[in-house]
Amino acid sequence: MKNTILDTTLTPQNYFDSHCHLQFPEFDENRDEVINRARAAGLSKLLIPGTDFESSVKAVELANKYPDYIEAAIGNHPYEADKSTDAQMAQYEDLIKTNPTITAIGETGLDTFRNALDIQIQINSLTKHAKLAKFYNYYLIIHSRETDEVTSAILKILQEQKIEKVIFHCFSGSQETAKTIWSRGYKTSFSCNITYPKNEALLQTFKTCPASLRLLETDSPYLAPQSQRGKRNEPANVKDLLQYL
């Protein structure tokens, strides 16, 4: 079993960004500065997930550049689910075999919001990613957008595949759904949108989450905290998020 920051319990003394997309072009002009600011803010590590094969490769390259500080996850976002052919999944497996900085699979999942892809294509992609995560005993990073019904469908697939290590990234569902997730030992990761005025219920869900199943993330460059709405988000904001909570 590979060591990963995702096994760590979040504390005021040890905090990290469990989901940031520093490989995205929004960071091309000052990526190293952003990473240095994260270190200066006290973050112990960063995890960078892919959303397709190209961004997964870039995540791995960043992790290999900063092997003491960055971990990578690889996989296809639901918007890219039609790319999850057997040939591409074999490419992902080749990456795993040659890059020890990969510690998770994802982000993958289901998304019925502004996603033109048929739900069965998304289910097939999620299932393939789940099998890959299980084979290598990696965490599976789940993207679940908008509805508790979608999350329920994901939970059914995870149960069918007997998946034990799961993170629901940028969780925004109901407290009832969160309790179902926690009852299976799965983790929920909360982002800076928890600071938005309309998300009081989400804040309460965070407060009831068992400490061992609770993570923080920025989902950078998206979802800047309320004090920076409209700006590019970055990992250093985890420190401010932790202080807010």
C-alpha atoms as a PDB file:
ATOM      1  CA  MET A   1       0.000   0.000   0.000  1.00  0.00           C
ATOM      2  CA  LYS A   2       1.472   3.344  -1.092  1.00  0.00           C
ATOM      3  CA  ASN A   3       1.722   6.184   1.413  1.00  0.00           C
ATOM      4  CA  THR A   4      -0.454   9.158   0.522  1.00  0.00           C
ATOM      5  CA  ILE A   5      -1.445  12.421   2.143  1.00  0.00           C
ATOM      6  CA  LEU A   6      -5.051  11.294   1.650  1.00  0.00           C
ATOM      7  CA  ASP A   7      -4.621   8.900   4.591  1.00  0.00           C
ATOM      8  CA  THR A   8      -3.746  11.814   6.872  1.00  0.00           C
ATOM      9  CA  THR A   9      -6.246  13.323   9.293  1.00  0.00           C
ATOM     10  CA  LEU A  10      -6.627  17.046   8.745  1.00  0.00           C
ATOM     11  CA  THR A  11      -5.572  19.124  11.764  1.00  0.00           C
ATOM     12  CA  PRO A  12      -4.658  22.778  12.404  1.00  0.00           C
ATOM     13  CA  GLN A  13      -1.051  21.562  12.592  1.00  0.00           C
ATOM     14  CA  ASN A  14      -1.162  19.464   9.409  1.00  0.00           C
ATOM     15  CA  TYR A  15      -3.281  20.793   6.568  1.00  0.00           C
ATOM     16  CA  PHE A  16      -3.024  20.271   2.837  1.00  0.00           C
ATOM     17  CA  ASP A  17      -4.886  20.731  -0.441  1.00  0.00           C
ATOM     18  CA  SER A  18      -6.455  17.417  -1.411  1.00  0.00           C
ATOM     19  CA  HIS A  19      -7.603  18.622  -4.849  1.00  0.00           C
ATOM     20  CA  CYS A  20      -6.082  21.373  -6.995  1.00  0.00           C
ATOM     21  CA  HIS A  21      -5.516  21.607 -10.741  1.00  0.00           C
ATOM     22  CA  LEU A  22      -2.178  23.384 -10.892  1.00  0.00           C
ATOM     23  CA  GLN A  23      -1.466  21.799 -14.264  1.00  0.00           C
ATOM     24  CA  PHE A  24      -4.209  23.902 -15.863  1.00  0.00           C
ATOM     25  CA  PRO A  25      -3.218  26.812 -18.143  1.00  0.00           C
ATOM     26  CA  GLU A  26      -4.509  29.364 -15.623  1.00  0.00           C
ATOM     27  CA  PHE A  27      -1.244  28.749 -13.736  1.00  0.00           C
ATOM     28  CA  ASP A  28       1.166  28.787 -16.671  1.00  0.00           C
ATOM     29  CA  GLU A  29       2.535  32.246 -15.889  1.00  0.00           C
ATOM     30  CA  ASN A  30       3.437  31.707 -12.216  1.00  0.00           C
ATOM     31  CA  ARG A  31       2.972  28.046 -11.286  1.00  0.00           C
ATOM     32  CA  ASP A  32       6.170  27.798  -9.225  1.00  0.00           C
ATOM     33  CA  GLU A  33       5.235  30.960  -7.324  1.00  0.00           C
ATOM     34  CA  VAL A  34       1.837  29.462  -6.490  1.00  0.00           C
ATOM     35  CA  ILE A  35       3.519  26.323  -5.152  1.00  0.00           C
ATOM     36  CA  ASN A  36       5.942  28.414  -3.098  1.00  0.00           C
ATOM     37  CA  ARG A  37       3.020  30.382  -1.630  1.00  0.00           C
ATOM     38  CA  ALA A  38       1.393  27.110  -0.612  1.00  0.00           C
ATOM     39  CA  ARG A  39       4.565  26.083   1.209  1.00  0.00           C
ATOM     40  CA  ALA A  40       4.803  29.496   2.869  1.00  0.00           C
ATOM     41  CA  ALA A  41       1.177  29.183   4.009  1.00  0.00           C
ATOM     42  CA  GLY A  42       2.115  25.984   5.826  1.00  0.00           C
ATOM     43  CA  LEU A  43       0.455  23.394   3.578  1.00  0.00           C
ATOM     44  CA  SER A  44       2.195  20.047   4.014  1.00  0.00           C
ATOM     45  CA  LYS A  45       1.311  18.687   0.560  1.00  0.00           C
ATOM     46  CA  LEU A  46      -0.789  19.105  -2.575  1.00  0.00           C
ATOM     47  CA  LEU A  47      -2.655  16.532  -4.637  1.00  0.00           C
ATOM     48  CA  ILE A  48      -3.219  17.292  -8.320  1.00  0.00           C
ATOM     49  CA  PRO A  49      -5.870  15.223 -10.135  1.00  0.00           C
ATOM     50  CA  GLY A  50      -6.223  14.884 -13.874  1.00  0.00           C
ATOM     51  CA  THR A  51      -9.411  15.416 -15.842  1.00  0.00           C
ATOM     52  CA  ASP A  52      -8.281  13.692 -19.051  1.00  0.00           C
ATOM     53  CA  PHE A  53      -5.156  11.903 -20.238  1.00  0.00           C
ATOM     54  CA  GLU A  54      -3.257  15.063 -21.182  1.00  0.00           C
ATOM     55  CA  SER A  55      -3.934  16.818 -17.874  1.00  0.00           C
ATOM     56  CA  SER A  56      -3.140  13.594 -16.010  1.00  0.00           C
ATOM     57  CA  VAL A  57       0.276  13.429 -17.669  1.00  0.00           C
ATOM     58  CA  LYS A  58       0.873  17.070 -16.715  1.00  0.00           C
ATOM     59  CA  ALA A  59      -0.151  16.309 -13.121  1.00  0.00           C
ATOM     60  CA  VAL A  60       2.379  13.481 -13.020  1.00  0.00           C
ATOM     61  CA  GLU A  61       5.077  15.731 -14.464  1.00  0.00           C
ATOM     62  CA  LEU A  62       4.444  18.285 -11.712  1.00  0.00           C
ATOM     63  CA  ALA A  63       4.513  15.595  -9.041  1.00  0.00           C
ATOM     64  CA  ASN A  64       7.790  14.274 -10.420  1.00  0.00           C
ATOM     65  CA  LYS A  65       9.221  17.812 -10.337  1.00  0.00           C
ATOM     66  CA  TYR A  66       8.179  18.202  -6.676  1.00  0.00           C
ATOM     67  CA  PRO A  67       8.143  14.583  -5.406  1.00  0.00           C
ATOM     68  CA  ASP A  68       8.408  15.644  -1.765  1.00  0.00           C
ATOM     69  CA  TYR A  69       5.438  17.984  -2.011  1.00  0.00           C
ATOM     70  CA  ILE A  70       3.016  16.971  -4.768  1.00  0.00           C
ATOM     71  CA  GLU A  71       1.063  13.777  -5.417  1.00  0.00           C
ATOM     72  CA  ALA A  72      -0.806  13.061  -8.644  1.00  0.00           C
ATOM     73  CA  ALA A  73      -4.105  11.401  -9.485  1.00  0.00           C
ATOM     74  CA  ILE A  74      -4.943  10.268 -13.003  1.00  0.00           C
ATOM     75  CA  GLY A  75      -8.246   9.767 -14.781  1.00  0.00           C
ATOM     76  CA  ASN A  76     -11.061  11.106 -16.927  1.00  0.00           C
ATOM     77  CA  HIS A  77     -13.620  13.611 -15.659  1.00  0.00           C
ATOM     78  CA  PRO A  78     -17.254  12.697 -16.489  1.00  0.00           C
ATOM     79  CA  TYR A  79     -17.123  15.246 -19.320  1.00  0.00           C
ATOM     80  CA  GLU A  80     -14.360  13.095 -20.851  1.00  0.00           C
ATOM     81  CA  ALA A  81     -15.983   9.740 -20.110  1.00  0.00           C
ATOM     82  CA  ASP A  82     -16.160   8.746 -23.773  1.00  0.00           C
ATOM     83  CA  LYS A  83     -12.339   8.741 -23.840  1.00  0.00           C
ATOM     84  CA  SER A  84     -12.185   5.894 -21.296  1.00  0.00           C
ATOM     85  CA  THR A  85     -11.545   3.156 -23.837  1.00  0.00           C
ATOM     86  CA  ASP A  86      -9.719  -0.015 -22.874  1.00  0.00           C
ATOM     87  CA  ALA A  87      -6.697   1.337 -24.756  1.00  0.00           C
ATOM     88  CA  GLN A  88      -6.646   4.556 -22.749  1.00  0.00           C
ATOM     89  CA  MET A  89      -7.133   2.759 -19.446  1.00  0.00           C
ATOM     90  CA  ALA A  90      -4.079   0.679 -20.397  1.00  0.00           C
ATOM     91  CA  GLN A  91      -2.191   3.943 -20.913  1.00  0.00           C
ATOM     92  CA  TYR A  92      -3.193   5.032 -17.430  1.00  0.00           C
ATOM     93  CA  GLU A  93      -1.943   1.744 -16.043  1.00  0.00           C
ATOM     94  CA  ASP A  94       1.383   2.256 -17.805  1.00  0.00           C
ATOM     95  CA  LEU A  95       1.666   5.629 -16.063  1.00  0.00           C
ATOM     96  CA  ILE A  96       1.056   3.984 -12.689  1.00  0.00           C
ATOM     97  CA  LYS A  97       3.754   1.385 -13.289  1.00  0.00           C
ATOM     98  CA  THR A  98       6.414   3.993 -14.038  1.00  0.00           C
ATOM     99  CA  ASN A  99       5.485   6.889 -11.714  1.00  0.00           C
ATOM    100  CA  PRO A 100       5.416   6.316  -7.937  1.00  0.00           C
ATOM    101  CA  THR A 101       4.157   9.880  -7.420  1.00  0.00           C
ATOM    102  CA  ILE A 102       0.702   8.677  -8.546  1.00  0.00           C
ATOM    103  CA  THR A 103      -1.324   7.882  -5.432  1.00  0.00           C
ATOM    104  CA  ALA A 104      -4.969   8.062  -6.554  1.00  0.00           C
ATOM    105  CA  ILE A 105      -7.346   7.598  -9.486  1.00  0.00           C
ATOM    106  CA  GLY A 106      -9.530  10.464 -10.658  1.00  0.00           C
ATOM    107  CA  GLU A 107     -11.224  12.636 -10.871  1.00  0.00           C
ATOM    108  CA  THR A 108     -14.030  10.481 -12.218  1.00  0.00           C
ATOM    109  CA  GLY A 109     -17.721  10.098 -11.470  1.00  0.00           C
ATOM    110  CA  LEU A 110     -21.099  11.109 -12.863  1.00  0.00           C
ATOM    111  CA  ASP A 111     -22.333  14.545 -13.899  1.00  0.00           C
ATOM    112  CA  THR A 112     -25.734  15.282 -15.421  1.00  0.00           C
ATOM    113  CA  PHE A 113     -25.255  19.062 -15.322  1.00  0.00           C
ATOM    114  CA  ARG A 114     -24.277  20.519 -18.701  1.00  0.00           C
ATOM    115  CA  ASN A 115     -22.899  17.148 -19.762  1.00  0.00           C
ATOM    116  CA  ALA A 116     -24.044  15.944 -23.165  1.00  0.00           C
ATOM    117  CA  LEU A 117     -22.594  12.471 -22.702  1.00  0.00           C
ATOM    118  CA  ASP A 118     -25.025   9.603 -22.183  1.00  0.00           C
ATOM    119  CA  ILE A 119     -25.189   8.492 -18.561  1.00  0.00           C
ATOM    120  CA  GLN A 120     -24.311   4.909 -19.497  1.00  0.00           C
ATOM    121  CA  ILE A 121     -21.041   6.118 -21.038  1.00  0.00           C
ATOM    122  CA  GLN A 122     -20.270   7.871 -17.758  1.00  0.00           C
ATOM    123  CA  ILE A 123     -21.171   4.764 -15.754  1.00  0.00           C
ATOM    124  CA  ASN A 124     -18.871   2.635 -17.896  1.00  0.00           C
ATOM    125  CA  SER A 125     -16.027   5.108 -17.387  1.00  0.00           C
ATOM    126  CA  LEU A 126     -16.566   5.274 -13.626  1.00  0.00           C
ATOM    127  CA  THR A 127     -16.625   1.490 -13.403  1.00  0.00           C
ATOM    128  CA  LYS A 128     -13.311   1.190 -15.265  1.00  0.00           C
ATOM    129  CA  HIS A 129     -11.694   3.778 -13.007  1.00  0.00           C
ATOM    130  CA  ALA A 130     -13.068   2.015  -9.920  1.00  0.00           C
ATOM    131  CA  LYS A 131     -11.570  -1.290 -11.023  1.00  0.00           C
ATOM    132  CA  LEU A 132      -8.197   0.364 -11.618  1.00  0.00           C
ATOM    133  CA  ALA A 133      -8.236   1.992  -8.178  1.00  0.00           C
ATOM    134  CA  LYS A 134      -9.179  -1.276  -6.513  1.00  0.00           C
ATOM    135  CA  PHE A 135      -6.441  -3.244  -8.296  1.00  0.00           C
ATOM    136  CA  TYR A 136      -3.742  -0.836  -7.113  1.00  0.00           C
ATOM    137  CA  ASN A 137      -5.363  -0.120  -3.731  1.00  0.00           C
ATOM    138  CA  TYR A 138      -5.541   3.597  -4.533  1.00  0.00           C
ATOM    139  CA  TYR A 139      -8.121   6.147  -3.485  1.00  0.00           C
ATOM    140  CA  LEU A 140     -10.833   6.841  -6.048  1.00  0.00           C
ATOM    141  CA  ILE A 141     -11.586  10.566  -6.349  1.00  0.00           C
ATOM    142  CA  ILE A 142     -15.245  11.113  -7.172  1.00  0.00           C
ATOM    143  CA  HIS A 143     -16.853  14.049  -8.955  1.00  0.00           C
ATOM    144  CA  SER A 144     -20.590  14.172  -8.229  1.00  0.00           C
ATOM    145  CA  ARG A 145     -22.469  17.205  -9.498  1.00  0.00           C
ATOM    146  CA  GLU A 146     -25.714  18.787  -8.351  1.00  0.00           C
ATOM    147  CA  THR A 147     -28.062  16.051  -7.085  1.00  0.00           C
ATOM    148  CA  ASP A 148     -28.224  13.462  -4.346  1.00  0.00           C
ATOM    149  CA  GLU A 149     -29.742  11.101  -6.942  1.00  0.00           C
ATOM    150  CA  VAL A 150     -26.477  11.173  -8.903  1.00  0.00           C
ATOM    151  CA  THR A 151     -24.511  10.501  -5.725  1.00  0.00           C
ATOM    152  CA  SER A 152     -26.803   7.559  -4.937  1.00  0.00           C
ATOM    153  CA  ALA A 153     -26.096   6.117  -8.385  1.00  0.00           C
ATOM    154  CA  ILE A 154     -22.363   6.459  -7.755  1.00  0.00           C
ATOM    155  CA  LEU A 155     -22.660   4.774  -4.360  1.00  0.00           C
ATOM    156  CA  LYS A 156     -24.426   1.852  -6.007  1.00  0.00           C
ATOM    157  CA  ILE A 157     -21.563   1.382  -8.467  1.00  0.00           C
ATOM    158  CA  LEU A 158     -18.968   1.618  -5.689  1.00  0.00           C
ATOM    159  CA  GLN A 159     -20.842  -1.017  -3.708  1.00  0.00           C
ATOM    160  CA  GLU A 160     -21.087  -3.317  -6.723  1.00  0.00           C
ATOM    161  CA  GLN A 161     -17.341  -3.007  -7.310  1.00  0.00           C
ATOM    162  CA  LYS A 162     -16.550  -3.388  -3.583  1.00  0.00           C
ATOM    163  CA  ILE A 163     -14.544  -0.150  -3.501  1.00  0.00           C
ATOM    164  CA  GLU A 164     -13.298   0.797  -0.034  1.00  0.00           C
ATOM    165  CA  LYS A 165     -11.097   3.894  -0.517  1.00  0.00           C
ATOM    166  CA  VAL A 166     -13.115   6.817  -1.874  1.00  0.00           C
ATOM    167  CA  ILE A 167     -13.073  10.607  -1.675  1.00  0.00           C
ATOM    168  CA  PHE A 168     -16.107  12.628  -2.727  1.00  0.00           C
ATOM    169  CA  HIS A 169     -14.389  15.793  -3.874  1.00  0.00           C
ATOM    170  CA  CYS A 170     -15.944  19.245  -3.454  1.00  0.00           C
ATOM    171  CA  PHE A 171     -18.872  17.723  -1.596  1.00  0.00           C
ATOM    172  CA  SER A 172     -22.032  19.817  -1.829  1.00  0.00           C
ATOM    173  CA  GLY A 173     -24.812  17.318  -1.170  1.00  0.00           C
ATOM    174  CA  SER A 174     -27.252  16.998   1.696  1.00  0.00           C
ATOM    175  CA  GLN A 175     -26.291  15.978   5.210  1.00  0.00           C
ATOM    176  CA  GLU A 176     -28.349  12.816   4.764  1.00  0.00           C
ATOM    177  CA  THR A 177     -26.285  11.819   1.727  1.00  0.00           C
ATOM    178  CA  ALA A 178     -23.091  12.725   3.568  1.00  0.00           C
ATOM    179  CA  LYS A 179     -24.023  10.388   6.420  1.00  0.00           C
ATOM    180  CA  THR A 180     -24.543   7.564   3.924  1.00  0.00           C
ATOM    181  CA  ILE A 181     -21.093   8.255   2.471  1.00  0.00           C
ATOM    182  CA  TRP A 182     -19.483   8.330   5.917  1.00  0.00           C
ATOM    183  CA  SER A 183     -21.234   5.130   6.982  1.00  0.00           C
ATOM    184  CA  ARG A 184     -19.221   3.330   4.318  1.00  0.00           C
ATOM    185  CA  GLY A 185     -15.959   4.822   5.521  1.00  0.00           C
ATOM    186  CA  TYR A 186     -15.679   7.111   2.500  1.00  0.00           C
ATOM    187  CA  LYS A 187     -14.230  10.600   2.848  1.00  0.00           C
ATOM    188  CA  THR A 188     -15.769  13.934   1.885  1.00  0.00           C
ATOM    189  CA  SER A 189     -13.614  16.850   0.801  1.00  0.00           C
ATOM    190  CA  PHE A 190     -14.928  20.386   1.265  1.00  0.00           C
ATOM    191  CA  SER A 191     -13.888  23.374  -0.835  1.00  0.00           C
ATOM    192  CA  CYS A 192     -13.923  27.157  -0.484  1.00  0.00           C
ATOM    193  CA  ASN A 193     -17.545  27.348  -1.629  1.00  0.00           C
ATOM    194  CA  ILE A 194     -18.379  26.465   1.961  1.00  0.00           C
ATOM    195  CA  THR A 195     -17.651  30.147   2.725  1.00  0.00           C
ATOM    196  CA  TYR A 196     -20.457  31.384   0.449  1.00  0.00           C
ATOM    197  CA  PRO A 197     -23.476  32.865   2.263  1.00  0.00           C
ATOM    198  CA  LYS A 198     -25.923  30.444   0.621  1.00  0.00           C
ATOM    199  CA  ASN A 199     -24.013  27.405   1.900  1.00  0.00           C
ATOM    200  CA  GLU A 200     -24.836  27.495   5.606  1.00  0.00           C
ATOM    201  CA  ALA A 201     -26.242  23.953   5.393  1.00  0.00           C
ATOM    202  CA  LEU A 202     -22.982  22.743   3.849  1.00  0.00           C
ATOM    203  CA  LEU A 203     -21.044  24.363   6.684  1.00  0.00           C
ATOM    204  CA  GLN A 204     -23.153  22.431   9.181  1.00  0.00           C
ATOM    205  CA  THR A 205     -22.457  19.220   7.262  1.00  0.00           C
ATOM    206  CA  PHE A 206     -18.736  19.909   7.539  1.00  0.00           C
ATOM    207  CA  LYS A 207     -19.028  20.415  11.285  1.00  0.00           C
ATOM    208  CA  THR A 208     -20.751  17.045  11.750  1.00  0.00           C
ATOM    209  CA  CYS A 209     -18.263  15.131   9.592  1.00  0.00           C
ATOM    210  CA  PRO A 210     -16.037  12.684  11.518  1.00  0.00           C
ATOM    211  CA  ALA A 211     -12.507  14.098  11.652  1.00  0.00           C
ATOM    212  CA  SER A 212     -10.994  11.001  10.052  1.00  0.00           C
ATOM    213  CA  LEU A 213     -13.294  11.352   7.024  1.00  0.00           C
ATOM    214  CA  ARG A 214     -12.898  15.087   6.450  1.00  0.00           C
ATOM    215  CA  LEU A 215     -10.597  16.763   3.918  1.00  0.00           C
ATOM    216  CA  LEU A 216     -10.153  20.290   2.573  1.00  0.00           C
ATOM    217  CA  GLU A 217      -9.420  21.352  -0.986  1.00  0.00           C
ATOM    218  CA  THR A 218      -9.447  24.414  -3.202  1.00  0.00           C
ATOM    219  CA  ASP A 219     -10.349  22.851  -6.569  1.00  0.00           C
ATOM    220  CA  SER A 220      -8.041  25.565  -7.915  1.00  0.00           C
ATOM    221  CA  PRO A 221      -8.297  27.527 -10.118  1.00  0.00           C
ATOM    222  CA  TYR A 222     -12.038  27.401  -9.351  1.00  0.00           C
ATOM    223  CA  LEU A 223     -14.206  28.262  -6.332  1.00  0.00           C
ATOM    224  CA  ALA A 224     -12.226  31.050  -4.709  1.00  0.00           C
ATOM    225  CA  PRO A 225     -13.377  31.830  -1.140  1.00  0.00           C
ATOM    226  CA  GLN A 226     -16.046  34.463  -0.566  1.00  0.00           C
ATOM    227  CA  SER A 227     -13.450  37.143   0.191  1.00  0.00           C
ATOM    228  CA  GLN A 228     -11.903  36.566  -3.258  1.00  0.00           C
ATOM    229  CA  ARG A 229     -14.959  35.722  -5.373  1.00  0.00           C
ATOM    230  CA  GLY A 230     -14.242  36.079  -9.066  1.00  0.00           C
ATOM    231  CA  LYS A 231     -10.481  35.649  -8.673  1.00  0.00           C
ATOM    232  CA  ARG A 232      -8.318  32.638  -9.427  1.00  0.00           C
ATOM    233  CA  ASN A 233      -8.210  30.246  -6.497  1.00  0.00           C
ATOM    234  CA  GLU A 234      -4.950  28.676  -5.311  1.00  0.00           C
ATOM    235  CA  PRO A 235      -3.806  26.138  -2.678  1.00  0.00           C
ATOM    236  CA  ALA A 236      -2.555  28.738  -0.176  1.00  0.00           C
ATOM    237  CA  ASN A 237      -6.207  29.577   0.475  1.00  0.00           C
ATOM    238  CA  VAL A 238      -6.584  26.304   2.387  1.00  0.00           C
ATOM    239  CA  LYS A 239      -5.030  28.113   5.350  1.00  0.00           C
ATOM    240  CA  ASP A 240      -7.717  30.812   5.207  1.00  0.00           C
ATOM    241  CA  LEU A 241     -10.396  28.158   4.734  1.00  0.00           C
ATOM    242  CA  LEU A 242      -9.209  26.282   7.808  1.00  0.00           C
ATOM    243  CA  GLN A 243      -9.266  29.484   9.863  1.00  0.00           C
ATOM    244  CA  TYR A 244     -12.805  30.238   8.635  1.00  0.00           C
ATOM    245  CA  LEU A 245     -13.987  26.819   9.745  1.00  0.00           C
END
